[in-house]
Amino acid sequence: MQRRARVRTWLGAAVAAAVLAGLALVSLPGTDQATGPAGGPGRPMGAVSPAPQADATRTDAVTDLLDRRAKALVDHDEQAFLATLDPRADDAFVSTQRRLFQNVAGVPFGQWRYRVRPEETFDVTDMPDRFTSAPSDELWAPAVDLRYALRGGDVVPTERPMGYLFARHGDEWYLRSDTALDNLGRRTWRGPWDFAPCVVTTTEHGIVLSHPGSEPMVERVVRELDPSVAAVSELWPTRWSQRVVVILPDSPGEMRALVGPDFPVESVVAVAVADQVNNASRAVAGQRVVLSPTGVRGLSIASLRVVLRHEITHVAARADTVDGSPTWLLEGFADYVGYRDSGVTLAEGAPDLAKQVRDDGPPSALPEDRAFRGGGSGLDLAYQQSWSLARYVADTHGEDSLIDLYRELAAAGAVSATETDEMLRDVLGVDRAELVEGWQSYLRKALQ
């Protein structure tokens, strides 16, 4: 798994970020899926059979169990859903699962199913006693992936890992826990429905997934979502889905579950995430724009518009962006699209850069990738420099040249300085030194 994260201030008032993520790609059960019977809670557990079942037998049995679980969730059949849980599971786990079932009632899933991978099975003897002490004929912990898609938002389904522990009583298998494998490094992915009831608001070009109580913020986002998609599509010439999923979590903990445990969620306003990306086929799974539960509410309409357009630019261009591409170009271009037609001047939107130019002169080199991995004013300065670079290219060489430069460098990924010079010459007719020199003159005129 690879994840890149970037954070910066927006208009001197709040912070935003963009994440390009490479996760695991892995659809709601359709008519082609085996469903099996769905009994009520406390279904008879069958005859005692202490010997472990053969791998193929238990794989088929657990797959059938998860098929019934998925169908029950999609069909809103709570009794059948709860019947897939181990009758001897912790009361807390059963309560959590009941809330999960209730929370997804308003979510339009285009697909929800599971995949069992028995070749990656954990040794249950390493788990805490509280998960293994309840009587059972057999415990099993194979790898399980949840494959799901949001109707109206996802063009292709995405996949997330589920840390499931299963228990067998006689001939029947049940789900006993989704936290037993946490300490072994296999955690269950948590979606918005694991935290609170979900409310979905649809627009022509996407959906906004939120929780009760967020209605005023949702209304603001809904008003801006379609115009932001149109604004990005007006500039970005490459075909993309023009479907955007925006999630508004209720807490930093929920946001952290959606964007990653190491991300500084307390200081961000927005994060663009994507699961697996296949640049060759242009297939991108699990694209989301996740808004901060606190920071985004402090933005003006103008700032929210800039944030959404910035993040949606990452969504639109993700299939054309290879890991290792220069960050100054990726973020500078997204900022250019975000601020385009906003009326915000360079001096207004880049106060730290303006101060640098006045006090010490313009930058002597292009922003390095490491400058985007820090924090505070240094990170803000890196973003402002990148935005000014994109503005310089567009103002001097034209927007088409800025787009061509993005497509050239972003598709190349990590390349040498010599190769970068060659691509700059092909698109702009200058090398890095000449690009920096022209940019410096541009900044002196605009900011001194």
Protein backbone atom coordinates (compact mmCIF):
# COMPACT_ATOMS: atom_id res chain seq x y z
CA MET A 1 0.00 0.00 0.00
CA GLN A 2 1.23 3.45 -0.87
CA ARG A 3 -0.24 6.69 0.30
CA ARG A 4 0.79 10.25 -0.28
CA ALA A 5 -0.73 13.08 1.72
CA ARG A 6 -0.46 16.83 1.51
CA VAL A 7 -1.83 19.53 3.77
CA ARG A 8 -1.97 23.29 3.29
CA THR A 9 -3.80 26.42 4.38
CA TRP A 10 -6.66 27.76 2.31
CA LEU A 11 -6.99 31.50 1.89
CA GLY A 12 -5.16 31.97 5.18
CA ALA A 13 -8.12 30.61 7.15
CA ALA A 14 -8.18 26.81 7.06
CA VAL A 15 -6.30 23.79 5.82
CA ALA A 16 -6.90 21.28 3.02
CA ALA A 17 -5.13 18.24 1.66
CA ALA A 18 -5.00 15.91 -1.27
CA VAL A 19 -4.21 12.22 -1.01
CA LEU A 20 -3.41 9.94 -3.90
CA ALA A 21 -3.73 6.47 -2.51
CA GLY A 22 -2.88 3.05 -3.83
CA LEU A 23 -4.97 0.50 -1.96
CA ALA A 24 -6.27 -2.95 -2.85
CA LEU A 25 -8.88 -3.25 -5.60
CA VAL A 26 -11.20 -5.84 -5.31
CA SER A 27 -19.68 -5.48 -6.41
CA LEU A 28 -24.08 -5.51 -3.99
CA PRO A 29 -24.85 -9.16 -4.48
CA GLY A 30 -26.64 -9.65 -7.76
CA THR A 31 -28.82 -12.39 -9.07
CA ASP A 32 -25.69 -14.34 -9.96
CA GLN A 33 -24.70 -14.73 -6.34
CA ALA A 34 -25.53 -17.80 -4.27
CA THR A 35 -27.63 -16.68 -1.35
CA GLY A 36 -28.50 -19.79 0.65
CA PRO A 37 -31.11 -19.89 3.41
CA ALA A 38 -31.28 -17.11 5.95
CA GLY A 39 -32.63 -18.38 9.24
CA GLY A 40 -33.57 -16.36 12.28
CA PRO A 41 -31.42 -15.62 15.33
CA GLY A 42 -30.35 -18.66 17.31
CA ARG A 43 -30.58 -21.09 14.39
CA PRO A 44 -29.73 -24.65 15.52
CA MET A 45 -25.98 -25.14 15.61
CA GLY A 46 -25.94 -28.75 14.38
CA ALA A 47 -24.19 -31.83 15.64
CA VAL A 48 -20.84 -31.62 17.40
CA SER A 49 -17.92 -32.36 15.10
CA PRO A 50 -14.64 -31.47 16.82
CA ALA A 51 -12.31 -32.30 13.91
CA PRO A 52 -11.37 -29.30 11.71
CA GLN A 53 -13.08 -29.24 8.35
CA ALA A 54 -11.10 -29.48 5.12
CA ASP A 55 -10.07 -26.13 3.63
CA ALA A 56 -12.39 -26.45 0.62
CA THR A 57 -15.35 -27.38 2.81
CA ARG A 58 -14.98 -24.50 5.23
CA THR A 59 -14.18 -22.05 2.43
CA ASP A 60 -17.46 -22.97 0.74
CA ALA A 61 -19.34 -22.79 4.03
CA VAL A 62 -17.94 -19.38 5.04
CA THR A 63 -18.47 -18.04 1.52
CA ASP A 64 -22.11 -19.12 1.78
CA LEU A 65 -22.33 -17.44 5.20
CA LEU A 66 -21.00 -14.16 3.82
CA ASP A 67 -23.25 -14.38 0.77
CA ARG A 68 -26.24 -14.61 3.12
CA ARG A 69 -24.89 -11.75 5.20
CA ALA A 70 -24.51 -9.55 2.12
CA LYS A 71 -27.95 -10.41 0.76
CA ALA A 72 -29.56 -9.70 4.13
CA LEU A 73 -27.90 -6.29 4.29
CA VAL A 74 -28.94 -5.39 0.76
CA ASP A 75 -32.48 -6.70 1.25
CA HIS A 76 -32.76 -4.89 4.62
CA ASP A 77 -33.54 -8.21 6.32
CA GLU A 78 -32.32 -7.65 9.87
CA GLN A 79 -33.30 -11.07 11.15
CA ALA A 80 -31.34 -12.84 8.41
CA PHE A 81 -28.39 -10.50 8.98
CA LEU A 82 -28.22 -11.15 12.72
CA ALA A 83 -28.58 -14.90 12.09
CA THR A 84 -25.11 -14.91 10.54
CA LEU A 85 -23.55 -13.84 13.86
CA ASP A 86 -22.17 -16.38 16.33
CA PRO A 87 -24.79 -16.96 19.08
CA ARG A 88 -21.84 -17.00 21.51
CA ALA A 89 -20.27 -13.77 20.27
CA ASP A 90 -19.73 -10.81 22.61
CA ASP A 91 -22.90 -8.80 23.29
CA ALA A 92 -20.95 -5.67 22.34
CA PHE A 93 -20.13 -7.11 18.92
CA VAL A 94 -23.76 -8.07 18.29
CA SER A 95 -24.91 -4.57 19.30
CA THR A 96 -22.34 -2.99 16.99
CA GLN A 97 -23.48 -5.17 14.10
CA ARG A 98 -27.11 -4.28 14.74
CA ARG A 99 -26.22 -0.57 14.57
CA LEU A 100 -24.22 -1.16 11.38
CA PHE A 101 -27.23 -2.80 9.75
CA GLN A 102 -29.46 0.13 10.74
CA ASN A 103 -26.91 2.73 9.67
CA VAL A 104 -26.67 1.50 6.05
CA ALA A 105 -30.44 1.62 5.45
CA GLY A 106 -30.20 4.88 3.50
CA VAL A 107 -27.12 4.03 1.44
CA PRO A 108 -27.71 3.17 -2.25
CA PHE A 109 -25.24 0.34 -2.78
CA GLY A 110 -24.65 -0.70 -6.35
CA GLN A 111 -22.79 -3.72 -5.03
CA TRP A 112 -21.92 -5.35 -1.71
CA ARG A 113 -20.27 -8.75 -1.46
CA TYR A 114 -17.38 -10.54 0.17
CA ARG A 115 -14.44 -12.60 -1.05
CA VAL A 116 -12.72 -15.24 1.09
CA ARG A 117 -9.00 -15.86 0.60
CA PRO A 118 -8.13 -19.02 2.57
CA GLU A 119 -4.51 -18.92 1.43
CA GLU A 120 -3.97 -16.06 3.88
CA THR A 121 -5.21 -17.57 7.14
CA PHE A 122 -4.06 -16.37 10.58
CA ASP A 123 -3.20 -18.69 13.45
CA VAL A 124 -6.06 -18.32 15.94
CA THR A 125 -3.85 -19.38 18.84
CA ASP A 126 -2.29 -15.90 18.77
CA MET A 127 -5.58 -14.15 19.54
CA PRO A 128 -6.70 -12.90 22.97
CA ASP A 129 -8.62 -15.35 25.15
CA ARG A 130 -11.82 -13.30 25.03
CA PHE A 131 -12.22 -14.25 21.35
CA THR A 132 -11.27 -17.91 21.70
CA SER A 133 -12.62 -18.88 25.11
CA ALA A 134 -16.29 -19.19 24.07
CA PRO A 135 -17.01 -22.83 23.14
CA SER A 136 -16.86 -23.73 19.46
CA ASP A 137 -15.88 -26.72 17.35
CA GLU A 138 -13.48 -24.67 15.23
CA LEU A 139 -12.24 -21.11 14.76
CA TRP A 140 -10.98 -19.85 11.42
CA ALA A 141 -9.46 -16.51 10.36
CA PRO A 142 -9.01 -16.39 6.57
CA ALA A 143 -8.46 -13.09 4.76
CA VAL A 144 -11.77 -11.50 3.72
CA ASP A 145 -12.32 -8.57 1.38
CA LEU A 146 -15.45 -6.46 1.15
CA ARG A 147 -16.23 -5.44 -2.41
CA TYR A 148 -18.73 -2.60 -2.65
CA ALA A 149 -19.85 0.30 -4.84
CA LEU A 150 -22.02 3.35 -4.19
CA ARG A 151 -24.74 3.78 -6.78
CA GLY A 152 -24.54 7.21 -8.35
CA GLY A 153 -20.91 7.64 -7.39
CA ASP A 154 -18.75 4.62 -8.14
CA VAL A 155 -18.20 3.61 -11.74
CA VAL A 156 -16.35 0.48 -10.61
CA PRO A 157 -16.51 -1.25 -7.20
CA THR A 158 -13.71 -1.01 -4.70
CA GLU A 159 -12.42 -3.47 -2.10
CA ARG A 160 -11.51 -3.17 1.57
CA PRO A 161 -10.05 -5.68 4.04
CA MET A 162 -12.21 -7.11 6.81
CA GLY A 163 -10.56 -8.69 9.83
CA TYR A 164 -13.15 -11.40 10.42
CA LEU A 165 -12.98 -14.35 12.81
CA PHE A 166 -15.39 -17.22 12.15
CA ALA A 167 -16.62 -19.92 14.52
CA ARG A 168 -18.09 -23.33 13.68
CA HIS A 169 -20.72 -25.06 15.77
CA GLY A 170 -21.43 -28.47 14.31
CA ASP A 171 -21.95 -27.99 10.59
CA GLU A 172 -22.73 -24.28 10.79
CA TRP A 173 -20.30 -21.36 10.50
CA TYR A 174 -20.88 -17.93 12.04
CA LEU A 175 -19.13 -14.58 12.25
CA ARG A 176 -17.74 -14.20 15.76
CA SER A 177 -15.72 -10.96 15.66
CA ASP A 178 -14.40 -8.20 13.43
CA THR A 179 -11.77 -6.99 15.91
CA ALA A 180 -10.06 -10.22 16.96
CA LEU A 181 -7.26 -9.77 14.43
CA ASP A 182 -6.46 -6.14 15.24
CA ASN A 183 -3.30 -6.93 17.18
CA LEU A 184 -2.16 -9.28 14.43
CA GLY A 185 -2.17 -6.50 11.85
CA ARG A 186 -5.43 -7.34 10.06
CA ARG A 187 -7.97 -4.66 10.90
CA THR A 188 -11.51 -4.35 9.66
CA TRP A 189 -12.00 -1.33 7.44
CA ARG A 190 -14.59 1.06 8.84
CA GLY A 191 -16.93 2.93 6.52
CA PRO A 192 -19.18 5.87 7.39
CA TRP A 193 -21.93 3.39 8.32
CA ASP A 194 -19.79 2.06 11.14
CA PHE A 195 -20.07 5.41 12.93
CA ALA A 196 -23.62 6.74 12.54
CA PRO A 197 -26.76 6.50 10.39
CA CYS A 198 -26.01 7.56 6.84
CA VAL A 199 -27.88 10.14 4.80
CA VAL A 200 -27.24 10.28 1.05
CA THR A 201 -28.04 13.32 -1.07
CA THR A 202 -27.73 12.91 -4.82
CA THR A 203 -26.80 15.44 -7.49
CA GLU A 204 -26.44 15.12 -11.24
CA HIS A 205 -22.73 14.40 -10.92
CA GLY A 206 -22.39 12.62 -7.62
CA ILE A 207 -23.54 11.97 -4.11
CA VAL A 208 -22.92 13.51 -0.70
CA LEU A 209 -22.83 10.98 2.14
CA SER A 210 -23.33 12.50 5.58
CA HIS A 211 -24.95 11.88 8.97
CA PRO A 212 -28.05 13.41 10.59
CA GLY A 213 -27.34 16.91 11.87
CA SER A 214 -25.11 17.97 8.97
CA GLU A 215 -27.93 19.30 6.80
CA PRO A 216 -26.74 22.95 6.57
CA MET A 217 -23.24 21.90 5.46
CA VAL A 218 -24.64 19.31 3.08
CA GLU A 219 -26.81 21.96 1.42
CA ARG A 220 -23.73 24.11 0.79
CA VAL A 221 -21.78 21.20 -0.66
CA VAL A 222 -24.69 20.08 -2.84
CA ARG A 223 -25.02 23.57 -4.33
CA GLU A 224 -21.34 23.63 -5.26
CA LEU A 225 -20.75 20.02 -6.33
CA ASP A 226 -22.15 20.02 -9.87
CA PRO A 227 -20.77 23.48 -10.76
CA SER A 228 -17.36 22.34 -9.49
CA VAL A 229 -17.46 19.21 -11.66
CA ALA A 230 -18.38 21.41 -14.63
CA ALA A 231 -15.56 23.84 -13.89
CA VAL A 232 -12.98 21.06 -13.71
CA SER A 233 -14.29 19.38 -16.86
CA GLU A 234 -14.15 22.69 -18.72
CA LEU A 235 -10.39 22.80 -18.27
CA TRP A 236 -9.40 19.15 -18.02
CA PRO A 237 -9.66 17.69 -21.54
CA THR A 238 -9.24 13.98 -20.78
CA ARG A 239 -12.33 11.83 -20.37
CA TRP A 240 -13.25 11.01 -16.77
CA SER A 241 -16.36 9.70 -15.04
CA GLN A 242 -17.57 13.12 -13.84
CA ARG A 243 -18.92 11.26 -10.81
CA VAL A 244 -17.82 12.42 -7.37
CA VAL A 245 -18.50 10.94 -3.95
CA VAL A 246 -18.22 13.52 -1.16
CA ILE A 247 -18.23 12.26 2.43
CA LEU A 248 -18.83 14.48 5.43
CA PRO A 249 -17.81 12.56 8.58
CA ASP A 250 -18.96 13.51 12.07
CA SER A 251 -15.67 13.19 13.96
CA PRO A 252 -11.88 13.15 13.54
CA GLY A 253 -11.96 9.43 14.36
CA GLU A 254 -14.32 8.72 11.49
CA MET A 255 -12.28 10.85 9.12
CA ARG A 256 -9.11 9.04 10.17
CA ALA A 257 -10.76 5.71 9.39
CA LEU A 258 -11.59 6.96 5.90
CA VAL A 259 -8.25 8.54 4.99
CA GLY A 260 -5.66 6.67 7.06
CA PRO A 261 -4.50 6.44 10.68
CA ASP A 262 -1.40 8.59 10.24
CA PHE A 263 -3.08 11.54 8.57
CA PRO A 264 -3.31 14.81 10.58
CA VAL A 265 -7.08 14.98 10.34
CA GLU A 266 -7.43 17.63 13.03
CA SER A 267 -5.77 20.20 10.78
CA VAL A 268 -7.29 19.51 7.37
CA VAL A 269 -10.34 20.69 5.53
CA ALA A 270 -10.54 18.22 2.65
CA VAL A 271 -8.81 15.06 1.48
CA ALA A 272 -9.08 13.39 -1.93
CA VAL A 273 -8.52 9.64 -1.73
CA ALA A 274 -8.48 6.89 -4.31
CA ASP A 275 -8.12 3.16 -4.04
CA GLN A 276 -6.39 1.11 -6.69
CA VAL A 277 -5.45 2.97 -9.87
CA ASN A 278 -4.69 1.26 -13.19
CA ASN A 279 -3.14 3.93 -15.37
CA ALA A 280 -3.04 1.64 -18.40
CA SER A 281 -6.77 0.91 -18.39
CA ARG A 282 -7.65 4.24 -16.72
CA ALA A 283 -9.68 2.36 -14.10
CA VAL A 284 -9.83 4.09 -10.71
CA ALA A 285 -11.64 2.56 -7.74
CA GLY A 286 -12.88 4.12 -4.52
CA GLN A 287 -12.40 7.80 -5.29
CA ARG A 288 -13.70 9.96 -2.45
CA VAL A 289 -13.52 13.59 -1.39
CA VAL A 290 -13.62 13.54 2.40
CA LEU A 291 -14.45 16.82 4.12
CA SER A 292 -13.32 17.68 7.62
CA PRO A 293 -16.04 17.45 10.29
CA THR A 294 -14.83 20.74 11.76
CA GLY A 295 -12.56 22.72 9.46
CA VAL A 296 -14.78 22.81 6.41
CA ARG A 297 -17.63 24.42 8.32
CA GLY A 298 -15.53 27.52 8.82
CA LEU A 299 -15.01 28.13 5.12
CA SER A 300 -16.78 30.82 3.19
CA ILE A 301 -18.70 29.79 0.07
CA ALA A 302 -15.83 31.11 -2.05
CA SER A 303 -13.27 29.07 -0.11
CA LEU A 304 -15.43 25.94 -0.22
CA ARG A 305 -15.69 26.36 -3.97
CA VAL A 306 -11.90 26.53 -4.28
CA VAL A 307 -11.47 23.47 -2.05
CA LEU A 308 -13.97 21.34 -3.97
CA ARG A 309 -12.53 22.28 -7.34
CA HIS A 310 -9.01 21.55 -6.14
CA GLU A 311 -9.94 18.10 -4.83
CA ILE A 312 -12.15 17.25 -7.83
CA THR A 313 -9.21 18.09 -10.08
CA HIS A 314 -7.29 15.29 -8.38
CA VAL A 315 -10.27 12.99 -8.98
CA ALA A 316 -10.48 13.93 -12.66
CA ALA A 317 -6.75 13.63 -13.31
CA ARG A 318 -6.01 10.60 -11.17
CA ALA A 319 -6.05 8.07 -14.02
CA ASP A 320 -3.45 10.20 -15.82
CA THR A 321 -1.21 10.64 -12.78
CA VAL A 322 1.54 8.16 -11.99
CA ASP A 323 3.01 7.84 -8.50
CA GLY A 324 6.30 9.72 -8.25
CA SER A 325 5.16 12.67 -10.36
CA PRO A 326 6.48 16.05 -9.17
CA THR A 327 4.29 17.32 -6.36
CA TRP A 328 4.73 20.97 -7.33
CA LEU A 329 3.00 20.23 -10.62
CA LEU A 330 0.18 18.07 -9.20
CA GLU A 331 -0.71 20.52 -6.45
CA GLY A 332 0.01 23.63 -8.44
CA PHE A 333 -2.29 22.49 -11.22
CA ALA A 334 -5.07 21.55 -8.79
CA ASP A 335 -4.75 24.96 -7.15
CA TYR A 336 -4.81 26.64 -10.53
CA VAL A 337 -8.12 24.95 -11.34
CA GLY A 338 -9.44 25.68 -7.85
CA TYR A 339 -8.66 29.40 -7.96
CA ARG A 340 -9.46 29.86 -11.66
CA ASP A 341 -12.18 32.48 -12.14
CA SER A 342 -12.32 33.04 -8.36
CA GLY A 343 -11.09 36.64 -8.55
CA VAL A 344 -8.40 35.87 -5.93
CA THR A 345 -5.15 37.59 -6.84
CA LEU A 346 -1.75 35.99 -6.39
CA ALA A 347 -0.93 38.37 -3.57
CA GLU A 348 -4.20 37.54 -1.78
CA GLY A 349 -3.91 33.78 -2.19
CA ALA A 350 -0.15 33.49 -1.59
CA PRO A 351 0.73 35.84 1.32
CA ASP A 352 3.72 33.77 2.48
CA LEU A 353 5.19 33.75 -1.00
CA ALA A 354 4.60 37.50 -1.32
CA LYS A 355 6.53 38.05 1.91
CA GLN A 356 9.36 35.81 0.71
CA VAL A 357 9.65 37.75 -2.54
CA ARG A 358 9.65 41.10 -0.74
CA ASP A 359 12.12 40.09 1.97
CA ASP A 360 14.46 37.60 0.30
CA GLY A 361 13.62 37.56 -3.36
CA PRO A 362 11.82 34.88 -5.37
CA PRO A 363 12.60 31.14 -4.97
CA SER A 364 15.77 29.92 -6.63
CA ALA A 365 14.47 26.46 -7.55
CA LEU A 366 11.30 24.49 -8.10
CA PRO A 367 9.65 23.25 -4.87
CA GLU A 368 10.98 19.85 -3.84
CA ASP A 369 8.68 16.98 -2.94
CA ARG A 370 9.96 16.93 0.62
CA ALA A 371 8.64 20.45 1.15
CA PHE A 372 5.11 19.03 0.95
CA ARG A 373 5.73 16.50 3.70
CA GLY A 374 6.27 19.04 6.47
CA GLY A 375 3.83 21.35 8.17
CA GLY A 376 3.10 24.91 9.13
CA SER A 377 4.25 27.89 7.10
CA GLY A 378 6.83 25.86 5.19
CA LEU A 379 4.11 23.67 3.74
CA ASP A 380 1.93 26.66 2.97
CA LEU A 381 4.83 28.27 1.15
CA ALA A 382 5.40 25.15 -0.96
CA TYR A 383 1.75 25.16 -2.07
CA GLN A 384 1.78 28.87 -2.80
CA GLN A 385 4.95 28.53 -4.85
CA SER A 386 3.40 25.66 -6.81
CA TRP A 387 0.22 27.60 -7.50
CA SER A 388 2.23 30.60 -8.66
CA LEU A 389 4.26 28.33 -10.97
CA ALA A 390 1.08 27.01 -12.57
CA ARG A 391 -0.24 30.56 -12.95
CA TYR A 392 3.03 31.64 -14.50
CA VAL A 393 2.94 28.82 -17.05
CA ALA A 394 -0.70 29.52 -17.92
CA ASP A 395 -0.22 33.30 -18.15
CA THR A 396 3.00 33.03 -20.17
CA HIS A 397 2.51 29.94 -22.33
CA GLY A 398 -1.27 29.49 -22.20
CA GLU A 399 -3.61 27.13 -20.37
CA ASP A 400 -3.24 24.48 -23.05
CA SER A 401 0.49 24.37 -22.39
CA LEU A 402 -0.12 24.03 -18.64
CA ILE A 403 -2.43 21.09 -19.31
CA ASP A 404 0.06 19.53 -21.72
CA LEU A 405 2.82 19.93 -19.14
CA TYR A 406 0.70 18.18 -16.51
CA ARG A 407 -0.14 15.31 -18.81
CA GLU A 408 3.48 14.91 -19.85
CA LEU A 409 5.13 15.03 -16.43
CA ALA A 410 2.34 13.37 -14.45
CA ALA A 411 2.32 10.41 -16.82
CA ALA A 412 6.06 9.96 -16.49
CA GLY A 413 6.25 9.60 -12.71
CA ALA A 414 9.67 9.77 -11.10
CA VAL A 415 12.21 10.73 -13.75
CA SER A 416 15.71 12.18 -13.78
CA ALA A 417 16.53 15.88 -13.97
CA THR A 418 17.72 15.38 -17.55
CA GLU A 419 14.44 13.75 -18.55
CA THR A 420 12.49 16.54 -16.84
CA ASP A 421 14.45 19.12 -18.84
CA GLU A 422 13.64 17.27 -22.06
CA MET A 423 9.92 17.21 -21.31
CA LEU A 424 9.93 20.89 -20.36
CA ARG A 425 11.61 21.75 -23.65
CA ASP A 426 9.11 19.64 -25.59
CA VAL A 427 6.12 21.41 -24.02
CA LEU A 428 7.34 24.91 -23.10
CA GLY A 429 10.55 25.30 -25.06
CA VAL A 430 12.61 25.87 -21.88
CA ASP A 431 14.56 23.75 -19.42
CA ARG A 432 14.29 23.93 -15.63
CA ALA A 433 16.77 26.77 -15.26
CA GLU A 434 14.95 28.87 -17.85
CA LEU A 435 11.59 28.00 -16.29
CA VAL A 436 12.78 29.17 -12.87
CA GLU A 437 14.28 32.34 -14.33
CA GLY A 438 11.03 33.28 -16.05
CA TRP A 439 9.04 32.41 -12.94
CA GLN A 440 11.27 34.66 -10.82
CA SER A 441 10.66 37.63 -13.11
CA TYR A 442 6.93 36.91 -13.03
CA LEU A 443 6.90 36.90 -9.23
CA ARG A 444 8.89 40.15 -8.95
CA LYS A 445 6.34 41.91 -11.15
CA ALA A 446 3.32 40.41 -9.42
CA LEU A 447 4.37 40.53 -5.76
CA GLN A 448 6.99 43.23 -5.18
